């Protein structure tokens, strides 16, 4: 290599080194400092998941969504009746039968939990003695020493099926007879036994989320739907009277079997995923859904066709 070429090469390397030391490296250092100074917002890279409830026209998002779905879900608490709102330093959301809360000053993610609405409504009564040892020994009753109250018979069975103390909290009262029903309050719920309800539909959880919303005197506009369910122009033609249908796509929650076509009709039972029924009447369009009247082992009721699929007639037993 000639001396001229060697000199040019050395000069070029020196220029590159100078540029790295004086320009590029300081620029990289500044960029790092800027990135470190930027506010950090975890989770903004992607939109948090949300679930829409057409029954009320409201959404459920984190930090409440995952807790709601793992601790009772729609069957226990009913749909949300508001969006998430700020209330007395807490982020809260009201449901038909509950309220969820999360302190806004808590670190992200906050520990979302269900409010003790039974307590907040002032339904705790003085402690009482346990029932007889024989009832407790036979599993017909259970005494909760923390609160000093009993849960017995059908109330105990329903209570345990709904998740027991982990979901509803311990009982805070004994049974109370009210017009047309018997009630018992728990830390986060009220169980109602309706005396004139059909068999299998007597016990249900009371709408204490709605009751507490009214008791707080909150703005009724918060109850208005933020999005209306779609309204089909024509009935679903995939199903016809006489078809057999199967319950699908309920995410393990089940499908409501109602006394009439529409969301305001009473639910008599929840149909498990895969349940087979026969269509005997319909369709009727109400509340944005196509409804079919169905026969389930002699019980008649209505279901929304969005969660039904037509199948071949099952083999006769």
C-alpha atoms as a PDB file:
ATOM      1  CA  UNK A   1       0.000   0.000   0.000  1.00  0.00           C
ATOM      2  CA  UNK A   2       1.375   3.392  -0.965  1.00  0.00           C
ATOM      3  CA  UNK A   3       2.075   6.020   1.661  1.00  0.00           C
ATOM      4  CA  UNK A   4      -0.634   8.255   0.123  1.00  0.00           C
ATOM      5  CA  UNK A   5      -3.322   5.544   0.441  1.00  0.00           C
ATOM      6  CA  UNK A   6      -2.200   4.715   3.958  1.00  0.00           C
ATOM      7  CA  UNK A   7      -2.443   8.368   4.992  1.00  0.00           C
ATOM      8  CA  UNK A   8      -5.970   8.657   3.539  1.00  0.00           C
ATOM      9  CA  UNK A   9      -7.099   5.506   5.385  1.00  0.00           C
ATOM     10  CA  UNK A  10      -5.686   6.709   8.712  1.00  0.00           C
ATOM     11  CA  UNK A  11      -7.265  10.133   8.246  1.00  0.00           C
ATOM     12  CA  UNK A  12     -10.657   8.558   7.491  1.00  0.00           C
ATOM     13  CA  UNK A  13     -10.516   6.335  10.583  1.00  0.00           C
ATOM     14  CA  UNK A  14      -9.622   9.323  12.742  1.00  0.00           C
ATOM     15  CA  UNK A  15     -12.591  11.263  11.337  1.00  0.00           C
ATOM     16  CA  UNK A  16     -14.983   8.362  12.069  1.00  0.00           C
ATOM     17  CA  UNK A  17     -13.663   8.050  15.613  1.00  0.00           C
ATOM     18  CA  UNK A  18     -14.043  11.789  16.151  1.00  0.00           C
ATOM     19  CA  UNK A  19     -17.598  11.703  14.864  1.00  0.00           C
ATOM     20  CA  UNK A  20     -18.492   8.801  17.167  1.00  0.00           C
ATOM     21  CA  UNK A  21     -16.966  10.467  20.212  1.00  0.00           C
ATOM     22  CA  UNK A  22     -18.195  14.011  19.587  1.00  0.00           C
ATOM     23  CA  UNK A  23     -21.566  13.557  17.856  1.00  0.00           C
ATOM     24  CA  UNK A  24     -23.094  10.069  17.767  1.00  0.00           C
ATOM     25  CA  UNK A  25     -22.354   8.916  21.302  1.00  0.00           C
ATOM     26  CA  UNK A  26     -23.561  12.158  22.940  1.00  0.00           C
ATOM     27  CA  UNK A  27     -26.681  11.999  20.771  1.00  0.00           C
ATOM     28  CA  UNK A  28     -27.365   8.419  21.895  1.00  0.00           C
ATOM     29  CA  UNK A  29     -26.818   9.477  25.517  1.00  0.00           C
ATOM     30  CA  UNK A  30     -29.317  12.331  25.140  1.00  0.00           C
ATOM     31  CA  UNK A  31     -31.866   9.973  23.596  1.00  0.00           C
ATOM     32  CA  UNK A  32     -31.522   7.570  26.511  1.00  0.00           C
ATOM     33  CA  UNK A  33     -31.989  10.404  29.010  1.00  0.00           C
ATOM     34  CA  UNK A  34     -35.094  11.625  27.159  1.00  0.00           C
ATOM     35  CA  UNK A  35     -36.586   8.125  27.151  1.00  0.00           C
ATOM     36  CA  UNK A  36     -35.934   7.758  30.863  1.00  0.00           C
ATOM     37  CA  UNK A  37     -37.631  11.071  31.582  1.00  0.00           C
ATOM     38  CA  UNK A  38     -40.775  10.211  29.615  1.00  0.00           C
ATOM     39  CA  UNK A  39     -43.739   9.237  31.821  1.00  0.00           C
ATOM     40  CA  UNK A  40     -44.317   5.506  31.938  1.00  0.00           C
ATOM     41  CA  UNK A  41     -47.849   4.300  31.364  1.00  0.00           C
ATOM     42  CA  UNK A  42     -47.974   0.496  31.522  1.00  0.00           C
ATOM     43  CA  UNK A  43     -50.462  -1.139  29.237  1.00  0.00           C
ATOM     44  CA  UNK A  44     -50.835   1.764  26.800  1.00  0.00           C
ATOM     45  CA  UNK A  45     -49.181  -0.212  24.035  1.00  0.00           C
ATOM     46  CA  UNK A  46     -52.425  -2.054  23.544  1.00  0.00           C
ATOM     47  CA  UNK A  47     -56.013  -1.311  24.429  1.00  0.00           C
ATOM     48  CA  UNK A  48     -57.273  -3.091  27.525  1.00  0.00           C
ATOM     49  CA  UNK A  49     -59.821  -5.808  26.822  1.00  0.00           C
ATOM     50  CA  UNK A  50     -63.459  -4.967  27.401  1.00  0.00           C
ATOM     51  CA  UNK A  51     -66.718  -6.890  27.574  1.00  0.00           C
ATOM     52  CA  UNK A  52     -69.997  -5.411  26.412  1.00  0.00           C
ATOM     53  CA  UNK A  53     -73.293  -6.306  28.116  1.00  0.00           C
ATOM     54  CA  UNK A  54     -76.240  -5.805  25.760  1.00  0.00           C
ATOM     55  CA  UNK A  55     -78.655  -6.292  28.660  1.00  0.00           C
ATOM     56  CA  UNK A  56     -77.814  -2.816  29.947  1.00  0.00           C
ATOM     57  CA  UNK A  57     -75.683  -1.230  27.215  1.00  0.00           C
ATOM     58  CA  UNK A  58     -72.565  -0.882  29.390  1.00  0.00           C
ATOM     59  CA  UNK A  59     -68.944  -2.027  29.184  1.00  0.00           C
ATOM     60  CA  UNK A  60     -66.753  -3.721  31.770  1.00  0.00           C
ATOM     61  CA  UNK A  61     -62.988  -3.166  31.627  1.00  0.00           C
ATOM     62  CA  UNK A  62     -59.965  -3.647  33.828  1.00  0.00           C
ATOM     63  CA  UNK A  63     -59.246  -3.357  36.684  1.00  0.00           C
ATOM     64  CA  UNK A  64     -62.704  -4.862  37.286  1.00  0.00           C
ATOM     65  CA  UNK A  65     -63.153  -7.273  34.371  1.00  0.00           C
ATOM     66  CA  UNK A  66     -60.873 -10.135  35.421  1.00  0.00           C
ATOM     67  CA  UNK A  67     -62.023 -10.050  39.071  1.00  0.00           C
ATOM     68  CA  UNK A  68     -65.671 -10.009  37.973  1.00  0.00           C
ATOM     69  CA  UNK A  69     -65.225 -13.029  35.707  1.00  0.00           C
ATOM     70  CA  UNK A  70     -63.300 -15.114  38.255  1.00  0.00           C
ATOM     71  CA  UNK A  71     -65.438 -14.295  41.305  1.00  0.00           C
ATOM     72  CA  UNK A  72     -69.002 -15.079  40.323  1.00  0.00           C
ATOM     73  CA  UNK A  73     -69.442 -13.343  36.987  1.00  0.00           C
ATOM     74  CA  UNK A  74     -72.746 -12.484  35.363  1.00  0.00           C
ATOM     75  CA  UNK A  75     -74.675 -15.263  37.087  1.00  0.00           C
ATOM     76  CA  UNK A  76     -73.828 -13.943  40.554  1.00  0.00           C
ATOM     77  CA  UNK A  77     -73.672 -10.179  40.100  1.00  0.00           C
ATOM     78  CA  UNK A  78     -75.747  -9.425  37.017  1.00  0.00           C
ATOM     79  CA  UNK A  79     -74.651  -7.000  34.281  1.00  0.00           C
ATOM     80  CA  UNK A  80     -73.057  -3.591  34.912  1.00  0.00           C
ATOM     81  CA  UNK A  81     -75.606  -0.797  35.198  1.00  0.00           C
ATOM     82  CA  UNK A  82     -73.054   2.043  34.922  1.00  0.00           C
ATOM     83  CA  UNK A  83     -69.632   2.601  33.467  1.00  0.00           C
ATOM     84  CA  UNK A  84     -66.660   2.901  35.848  1.00  0.00           C
ATOM     85  CA  UNK A  85     -66.966   6.237  37.704  1.00  0.00           C
ATOM     86  CA  UNK A  86     -65.130   8.216  40.386  1.00  0.00           C
ATOM     87  CA  UNK A  87     -66.823   8.238  43.774  1.00  0.00           C
ATOM     88  CA  UNK A  88     -65.318   9.544  47.051  1.00  0.00           C
ATOM     89  CA  UNK A  89     -61.732   8.863  46.052  1.00  0.00           C
ATOM     90  CA  UNK A  90     -62.500   5.448  44.600  1.00  0.00           C
ATOM     91  CA  UNK A  91     -62.941   4.107  41.110  1.00  0.00           C
ATOM     92  CA  UNK A  92     -66.242   2.204  41.274  1.00  0.00           C
ATOM     93  CA  UNK A  93     -68.654   0.446  38.970  1.00  0.00           C
ATOM     94  CA  UNK A  94     -72.224  -0.550  39.773  1.00  0.00           C
ATOM     95  CA  UNK A  95     -73.807  -3.859  38.815  1.00  0.00           C
ATOM     96  CA  UNK A  96     -77.349  -5.106  39.178  1.00  0.00           C
ATOM     97  CA  UNK A  97     -76.449  -7.023  42.335  1.00  0.00           C
ATOM     98  CA  UNK A  98     -73.076  -5.570  43.379  1.00  0.00           C
ATOM     99  CA  UNK A  99     -70.623  -2.716  43.311  1.00  0.00           C
ATOM    100  CA  UNK A 100     -66.910  -3.061  42.588  1.00  0.00           C
ATOM    101  CA  UNK A 101     -64.357  -0.581  43.889  1.00  0.00           C
ATOM    102  CA  UNK A 102     -60.690   0.286  43.630  1.00  0.00           C
ATOM    103  CA  UNK A 103     -58.920   3.095  45.543  1.00  0.00           C
ATOM    104  CA  UNK A 104     -57.651   5.602  42.965  1.00  0.00           C
ATOM    105  CA  UNK A 105     -54.600   6.339  45.102  1.00  0.00           C
ATOM    106  CA  UNK A 106     -53.610   2.667  45.004  1.00  0.00           C
ATOM    107  CA  UNK A 107     -50.636   1.588  42.957  1.00  0.00           C
ATOM    108  CA  UNK A 108     -51.255   0.244  39.481  1.00  0.00           C
ATOM    109  CA  UNK A 109     -52.705  -2.316  39.215  1.00  0.00           C
ATOM    110  CA  UNK A 110     -55.062  -1.728  42.120  1.00  0.00           C
ATOM    111  CA  UNK A 111     -56.657  -4.580  44.030  1.00  0.00           C
ATOM    112  CA  UNK A 112     -60.228  -4.405  42.742  1.00  0.00           C
ATOM    113  CA  UNK A 113     -62.824  -5.992  45.012  1.00  0.00           C
ATOM    114  CA  UNK A 114     -66.553  -6.163  45.632  1.00  0.00           C
ATOM    115  CA  UNK A 115     -68.021  -3.633  48.029  1.00  0.00           C
ATOM    116  CA  UNK A 116     -69.669  -4.947  51.225  1.00  0.00           C
ATOM    117  CA  UNK A 117     -73.083  -3.675  50.142  1.00  0.00           C
ATOM    118  CA  UNK A 118     -74.934  -5.624  52.810  1.00  0.00           C
ATOM    119  CA  UNK A 119     -72.921  -3.730  55.404  1.00  0.00           C
ATOM    120  CA  UNK A 120     -73.145  -0.399  53.565  1.00  0.00           C
ATOM    121  CA  UNK A 121     -76.936  -0.713  53.430  1.00  0.00           C
ATOM    122  CA  UNK A 122     -76.947  -1.136  57.221  1.00  0.00           C
ATOM    123  CA  UNK A 123     -78.352  -4.670  57.211  1.00  0.00           C
ATOM    124  CA  UNK A 124     -76.071  -6.210  59.837  1.00  0.00           C
ATOM    125  CA  UNK A 125     -78.051  -7.395  62.873  1.00  0.00           C
ATOM    126  CA  UNK A 126     -76.798  -8.302  66.368  1.00  0.00           C
ATOM    127  CA  UNK A 127     -75.010 -11.587  66.877  1.00  0.00           C
ATOM    128  CA  UNK A 128     -77.104 -14.647  67.662  1.00  0.00           C
ATOM    129  CA  UNK A 129     -76.428 -18.089  69.089  1.00  0.00           C
ATOM    130  CA  UNK A 130     -75.725 -21.113  66.895  1.00  0.00           C
ATOM    131  CA  UNK A 131     -78.628 -23.381  66.003  1.00  0.00           C
ATOM    132  CA  UNK A 132     -78.775 -26.853  67.521  1.00  0.00           C
ATOM    133  CA  UNK A 133     -75.684 -29.035  67.248  1.00  0.00           C
ATOM    134  CA  UNK A 134     -77.636 -31.723  65.391  1.00  0.00           C
ATOM    135  CA  UNK A 135     -78.479 -29.387  62.489  1.00  0.00           C
ATOM    136  CA  UNK A 136     -74.858 -28.296  62.198  1.00  0.00           C
ATOM    137  CA  UNK A 137     -73.589 -31.861  62.547  1.00  0.00           C
ATOM    138  CA  UNK A 138     -75.945 -33.061  59.780  1.00  0.00           C
ATOM    139  CA  UNK A 139     -74.772 -30.281  57.442  1.00  0.00           C
ATOM    140  CA  UNK A 140     -78.190 -28.607  57.383  1.00  0.00           C
ATOM    141  CA  UNK A 141     -76.857 -25.421  58.956  1.00  0.00           C
ATOM    142  CA  UNK A 142     -73.540 -23.644  59.378  1.00  0.00           C
ATOM    143  CA  UNK A 143     -72.645 -21.101  62.021  1.00  0.00           C
ATOM    144  CA  UNK A 144     -70.260 -18.255  61.140  1.00  0.00           C
ATOM    145  CA  UNK A 145     -68.480 -17.198  64.317  1.00  0.00           C
ATOM    146  CA  UNK A 146     -66.888 -14.105  62.753  1.00  0.00           C
ATOM    147  CA  UNK A 147     -70.268 -12.468  62.314  1.00  0.00           C
ATOM    148  CA  UNK A 148     -72.388 -14.538  64.728  1.00  0.00           C
ATOM    149  CA  UNK A 149     -75.047 -15.737  62.269  1.00  0.00           C
ATOM    150  CA  UNK A 150     -76.370 -18.997  60.830  1.00  0.00           C
ATOM    151  CA  UNK A 151     -77.086 -20.095  57.257  1.00  0.00           C
ATOM    152  CA  UNK A 152     -79.481 -23.036  57.005  1.00  0.00           C
ATOM    153  CA  UNK A 153     -81.363 -25.410  54.719  1.00  0.00           C
ATOM    154  CA  UNK A 154     -82.114 -24.189  51.176  1.00  0.00           C
ATOM    155  CA  UNK A 155     -80.480 -20.835  51.901  1.00  0.00           C
ATOM    156  CA  UNK A 156     -77.254 -22.600  52.821  1.00  0.00           C
ATOM    157  CA  UNK A 157     -77.369 -24.767  49.684  1.00  0.00           C
ATOM    158  CA  UNK A 158     -77.968 -21.786  47.400  1.00  0.00           C
ATOM    159  CA  UNK A 159     -75.330 -19.739  49.247  1.00  0.00           C
ATOM    160  CA  UNK A 160     -72.671 -22.408  48.775  1.00  0.00           C
ATOM    161  CA  UNK A 161     -73.623 -22.908  45.106  1.00  0.00           C
ATOM    162  CA  UNK A 162     -73.068 -19.184  44.550  1.00  0.00           C
ATOM    163  CA  UNK A 163     -69.540 -19.325  45.938  1.00  0.00           C
ATOM    164  CA  UNK A 164     -70.206 -19.162  49.683  1.00  0.00           C
ATOM    165  CA  UNK A 165     -68.142 -16.857  51.902  1.00  0.00           C
ATOM    166  CA  UNK A 166     -65.390 -16.382  49.318  1.00  0.00           C
ATOM    167  CA  UNK A 167     -67.869 -14.761  46.914  1.00  0.00           C
ATOM    168  CA  UNK A 168     -70.805 -13.442  48.944  1.00  0.00           C
ATOM    169  CA  UNK A 169     -69.088 -12.982  52.283  1.00  0.00           C
ATOM    170  CA  UNK A 170     -70.407 -14.359  55.599  1.00  0.00           C
ATOM    171  CA  UNK A 171     -74.028 -13.893  56.718  1.00  0.00           C
ATOM    172  CA  UNK A 172     -74.682 -10.660  58.629  1.00  0.00           C
ATOM    173  CA  UNK A 173     -78.323 -11.377  59.533  1.00  0.00           C
ATOM    174  CA  UNK A 174     -80.707 -14.249  60.164  1.00  0.00           C
ATOM    175  CA  UNK A 175     -83.697 -15.064  57.959  1.00  0.00           C
ATOM    176  CA  UNK A 176     -86.295 -12.308  57.681  1.00  0.00           C
ATOM    177  CA  UNK A 177     -89.865 -12.800  56.462  1.00  0.00           C
ATOM    178  CA  UNK A 178     -91.003 -10.073  54.067  1.00  0.00           C
ATOM    179  CA  UNK A 179     -94.123  -9.775  51.870  1.00  0.00           C
ATOM    180  CA  UNK A 180     -93.974 -12.622  49.353  1.00  0.00           C
ATOM    181  CA  UNK A 181     -90.447 -13.729  50.205  1.00  0.00           C
ATOM    182  CA  UNK A 182     -87.871 -14.639  52.832  1.00  0.00           C
ATOM    183  CA  UNK A 183     -84.516 -12.836  52.783  1.00  0.00           C
ATOM    184  CA  UNK A 184     -81.098 -13.087  54.391  1.00  0.00           C
ATOM    185  CA  UNK A 185     -78.263 -10.586  54.116  1.00  0.00           C
ATOM    186  CA  UNK A 186     -74.638 -11.443  53.569  1.00  0.00           C
ATOM    187  CA  UNK A 187     -71.650  -9.144  53.582  1.00  0.00           C
ATOM    188  CA  UNK A 188     -71.795  -8.583  49.810  1.00  0.00           C
ATOM    189  CA  UNK A 189     -75.227  -9.902  48.822  1.00  0.00           C
ATOM    190  CA  UNK A 190     -78.862 -10.588  49.688  1.00  0.00           C
ATOM    191  CA  UNK A 191     -80.449 -13.981  49.060  1.00  0.00           C
ATOM    192  CA  UNK A 192     -84.191 -13.906  48.374  1.00  0.00           C
ATOM    193  CA  UNK A 193     -86.557 -16.872  48.528  1.00  0.00           C
ATOM    194  CA  UNK A 194     -89.680 -16.025  46.503  1.00  0.00           C
ATOM    195  CA  UNK A 195     -92.633 -17.961  47.854  1.00  0.00           C
ATOM    196  CA  UNK A 196     -94.741 -17.881  44.679  1.00  0.00           C
ATOM    197  CA  UNK A 197     -91.939 -18.592  42.186  1.00  0.00           C
ATOM    198  CA  UNK A 198     -92.015 -21.830  40.155  1.00  0.00           C
ATOM    199  CA  UNK A 199     -89.932 -24.779  41.393  1.00  0.00           C
ATOM    200  CA  UNK A 200     -86.237 -24.319  40.717  1.00  0.00           C
ATOM    201  CA  UNK A 201     -86.538 -20.537  40.516  1.00  0.00           C
ATOM    202  CA  UNK A 202     -87.407 -19.643  44.115  1.00  0.00           C
ATOM    203  CA  UNK A 203     -83.947 -18.561  45.252  1.00  0.00           C
ATOM    204  CA  UNK A 204     -82.120 -15.635  43.684  1.00  0.00           C
ATOM    205  CA  UNK A 205     -79.719 -12.857  44.592  1.00  0.00           C
ATOM    206  CA  UNK A 206     -81.313  -9.494  45.265  1.00  0.00           C
ATOM    207  CA  UNK A 207     -80.612  -6.392  43.195  1.00  0.00           C
ATOM    208  CA  UNK A 208     -78.733  -4.565  45.962  1.00  0.00           C
ATOM    209  CA  UNK A 209     -76.395  -2.880  43.462  1.00  0.00           C
ATOM    210  CA  UNK A 210     -79.390  -1.014  42.059  1.00  0.00           C
ATOM    211  CA  UNK A 211     -80.706  -0.424  45.581  1.00  0.00           C
ATOM    212  CA  UNK A 212     -77.431   1.098  46.798  1.00  0.00           C
ATOM    213  CA  UNK A 213     -77.155   3.260  43.661  1.00  0.00           C
ATOM    214  CA  UNK A 214     -80.540   4.767  44.510  1.00  0.00           C
ATOM    215  CA  UNK A 215     -79.649   5.096  48.202  1.00  0.00           C
ATOM    216  CA  UNK A 216     -76.552   7.120  47.281  1.00  0.00           C
ATOM    217  CA  UNK A 217     -78.699   9.527  45.264  1.00  0.00           C
ATOM    218  CA  UNK A 218     -76.437   9.263  42.218  1.00  0.00           C
ATOM    219  CA  UNK A 219     -77.304  10.819  38.862  1.00  0.00           C
ATOM    220  CA  UNK A 220     -79.805   8.541  37.037  1.00  0.00           C
ATOM    221  CA  UNK A 221     -78.138   9.547  33.748  1.00  0.00           C
ATOM    222  CA  UNK A 222     -75.277   7.215  34.722  1.00  0.00           C
ATOM    223  CA  UNK A 223     -77.667   4.328  34.114  1.00  0.00           C
ATOM    224  CA  UNK A 224     -78.266   5.254  30.484  1.00  0.00           C
ATOM    225  CA  UNK A 225     -76.665   2.824  28.013  1.00  0.00           C
ATOM    226  CA  UNK A 226     -73.493   4.025  26.349  1.00  0.00           C
ATOM    227  CA  UNK A 227     -74.226   1.810  23.361  1.00  0.00           C
ATOM    228  CA  UNK A 228     -77.477   0.233  22.276  1.00  0.00           C
ATOM    229  CA  UNK A 229     -77.561  -3.408  21.163  1.00  0.00           C
ATOM    230  CA  UNK A 230     -77.953  -4.032  17.491  1.00  0.00           C
ATOM    231  CA  UNK A 231     -81.501  -4.333  16.203  1.00  0.00           C
ATOM    232  CA  UNK A 232     -81.908  -7.011  13.516  1.00  0.00           C
ATOM    233  CA  UNK A 233     -84.062  -6.020  10.580  1.00  0.00           C
ATOM    234  CA  UNK A 234     -85.262  -9.559   9.994  1.00  0.00           C
ATOM    235  CA  UNK A 235     -85.493 -12.676  12.076  1.00  0.00           C
ATOM    236  CA  UNK A 236     -82.685 -15.238  12.095  1.00  0.00           C
ATOM    237  CA  UNK A 237     -83.518 -17.752   9.350  1.00  0.00           C
ATOM    238  CA  UNK A 238     -81.001 -20.378  10.521  1.00  0.00           C
ATOM    239  CA  UNK A 239     -83.563 -21.678  13.029  1.00  0.00           C
ATOM    240  CA  UNK A 240     -87.170 -22.701  12.405  1.00  0.00           C
ATOM    241  CA  UNK A 241     -90.083 -23.995  14.473  1.00  0.00           C
ATOM    242  CA  UNK A 242     -89.682 -27.725  15.010  1.00  0.00           C
ATOM    243  CA  UNK A 243     -85.868 -27.619  14.945  1.00  0.00           C
ATOM    244  CA  UNK A 244     -83.689 -28.944  17.696  1.00  0.00           C
ATOM    245  CA  UNK A 245     -81.110 -26.410  18.889  1.00  0.00           C
ATOM    246  CA  UNK A 246     -78.055 -26.442  21.123  1.00  0.00           C
ATOM    247  CA  UNK A 247     -76.744 -23.731  23.469  1.00  0.00           C
ATOM    248  CA  UNK A 248     -73.358 -22.405  22.266  1.00  0.00           C
ATOM    249  CA  UNK A 249     -70.774 -19.632  22.799  1.00  0.00           C
ATOM    250  CA  UNK A 250     -71.773 -18.634  26.344  1.00  0.00           C
ATOM    251  CA  UNK A 251     -68.165 -18.803  27.637  1.00  0.00           C
ATOM    252  CA  UNK A 252     -69.275 -21.200  30.350  1.00  0.00           C
ATOM    253  CA  UNK A 253     -71.818 -18.754  31.783  1.00  0.00           C
ATOM    254  CA  UNK A 254     -74.907 -20.460  30.357  1.00  0.00           C
ATOM    255  CA  UNK A 255     -77.986 -19.081  28.598  1.00  0.00           C
ATOM    256  CA  UNK A 256     -80.952 -17.480  30.331  1.00  0.00           C
ATOM    257  CA  UNK A 257     -84.256 -19.364  29.951  1.00  0.00           C
ATOM    258  CA  UNK A 258     -86.893 -16.625  30.291  1.00  0.00           C
ATOM    259  CA  UNK A 259     -90.637 -16.446  30.765  1.00  0.00           C
ATOM    260  CA  UNK A 260     -91.047 -14.250  27.674  1.00  0.00           C
ATOM    261  CA  UNK A 261     -89.292 -12.735  24.666  1.00  0.00           C
ATOM    262  CA  UNK A 262     -87.231  -9.812  25.955  1.00  0.00           C
ATOM    263  CA  UNK A 263     -84.616  -8.845  28.524  1.00  0.00           C
ATOM    264  CA  UNK A 264     -87.183  -7.637  31.048  1.00  0.00           C
ATOM    265  CA  UNK A 265     -88.733 -11.094  31.439  1.00  0.00           C
ATOM    266  CA  UNK A 266     -87.795 -13.227  34.429  1.00  0.00           C
ATOM    267  CA  UNK A 267     -85.078 -15.865  34.154  1.00  0.00           C
ATOM    268  CA  UNK A 268     -86.370 -19.229  35.373  1.00  0.00           C
ATOM    269  CA  UNK A 269     -83.066 -21.090  34.994  1.00  0.00           C
ATOM    270  CA  UNK A 270     -79.624 -20.986  33.397  1.00  0.00           C
ATOM    271  CA  UNK A 271     -79.046 -23.474  30.569  1.00  0.00           C
ATOM    272  CA  UNK A 272     -75.578 -24.994  30.458  1.00  0.00           C
ATOM    273  CA  UNK A 273     -73.405 -24.914  27.349  1.00  0.00           C
ATOM    274  CA  UNK A 274     -74.441 -27.801  25.077  1.00  0.00           C
ATOM    275  CA  UNK A 275     -78.026 -28.057  26.375  1.00  0.00           C
ATOM    276  CA  UNK A 276     -80.409 -29.352  23.674  1.00  0.00           C
ATOM    277  CA  UNK A 277     -83.944 -27.956  23.294  1.00  0.00           C
ATOM    278  CA  UNK A 278     -86.726 -27.981  20.710  1.00  0.00           C
ATOM    279  CA  UNK A 279     -88.136 -24.841  19.073  1.00  0.00           C
ATOM    280  CA  UNK A 280     -91.929 -24.641  19.443  1.00  0.00           C
ATOM    281  CA  UNK A 281     -92.671 -21.024  18.546  1.00  0.00           C
ATOM    282  CA  UNK A 282     -91.134 -17.800  17.256  1.00  0.00           C
ATOM    283  CA  UNK A 283     -89.374 -15.847  16.173  1.00  0.00           C
ATOM    284  CA  UNK A 284     -90.031 -12.614  18.025  1.00  0.00           C
ATOM    285  CA  UNK A 285     -87.694  -9.617  17.892  1.00  0.00           C
ATOM    286  CA  UNK A 286     -87.161  -7.630  21.093  1.00  0.00           C
ATOM    287  CA  UNK A 287     -84.314  -5.651  22.676  1.00  0.00           C
ATOM    288  CA  UNK A 288     -82.078  -6.214  19.661  1.00  0.00           C
ATOM    289  CA  UNK A 289     -82.313 -10.020  19.682  1.00  0.00           C
ATOM    290  CA  UNK A 290     -84.291 -12.732  17.915  1.00  0.00           C
ATOM    291  CA  UNK A 291     -86.153 -14.851  20.462  1.00  0.00           C
ATOM    292  CA  UNK A 292     -87.427 -18.421  20.181  1.00  0.00           C
ATOM    293  CA  UNK A 293     -89.844 -20.284  22.421  1.00  0.00           C
ATOM    294  CA  UNK A 294     -88.307 -23.578  23.454  1.00  0.00           C
ATOM    295  CA  UNK A 295     -89.222 -26.861  25.111  1.00  0.00           C
ATOM    296  CA  UNK A 296     -86.697 -28.127  27.641  1.00  0.00           C
ATOM    297  CA  UNK A 297     -87.846 -31.465  29.075  1.00  0.00           C
ATOM    298  CA  UNK A 298     -91.408 -30.166  29.371  1.00  0.00           C
ATOM    299  CA  UNK A 299     -90.471 -26.709  30.652  1.00  0.00           C
ATOM    300  CA  UNK A 300     -91.328 -23.893  28.245  1.00  0.00           C
ATOM    301  CA  UNK A 301     -89.398 -20.655  27.940  1.00  0.00           C
ATOM    302  CA  UNK A 302     -87.696 -18.176  25.627  1.00  0.00           C
ATOM    303  CA  UNK A 303     -84.024 -17.761  24.669  1.00  0.00           C
ATOM    304  CA  UNK A 304     -82.121 -15.344  22.448  1.00  0.00           C
ATOM    305  CA  UNK A 305     -81.185 -17.055  19.177  1.00  0.00           C
ATOM    306  CA  UNK A 306     -77.685 -15.533  19.122  1.00  0.00           C
ATOM    307  CA  UNK A 307     -76.553 -18.335  21.460  1.00  0.00           C
ATOM    308  CA  UNK A 308     -78.377 -21.188  19.705  1.00  0.00           C
ATOM    309  CA  UNK A 309     -77.429 -23.373  16.754  1.00  0.00           C
ATOM    310  CA  UNK A 310     -79.691 -25.721  14.823  1.00  0.00           C
ATOM    311  CA  UNK A 311     -78.739 -29.403  15.051  1.00  0.00           C
ATOM    312  CA  UNK A 312     -79.987 -32.767  13.817  1.00  0.00           C
ATOM    313  CA  UNK A 313     -82.774 -34.327  15.856  1.00  0.00           C
ATOM    314  CA  UNK A 314     -81.232 -36.350  18.697  1.00  0.00           C
ATOM    315  CA  UNK A 315     -81.720 -40.091  18.740  1.00  0.00           C
ATOM    316  CA  UNK A 316     -84.712 -41.290  20.706  1.00  0.00           C
ATOM    317  CA  UNK A 317     -83.825 -42.894  24.028  1.00  0.00           C
END
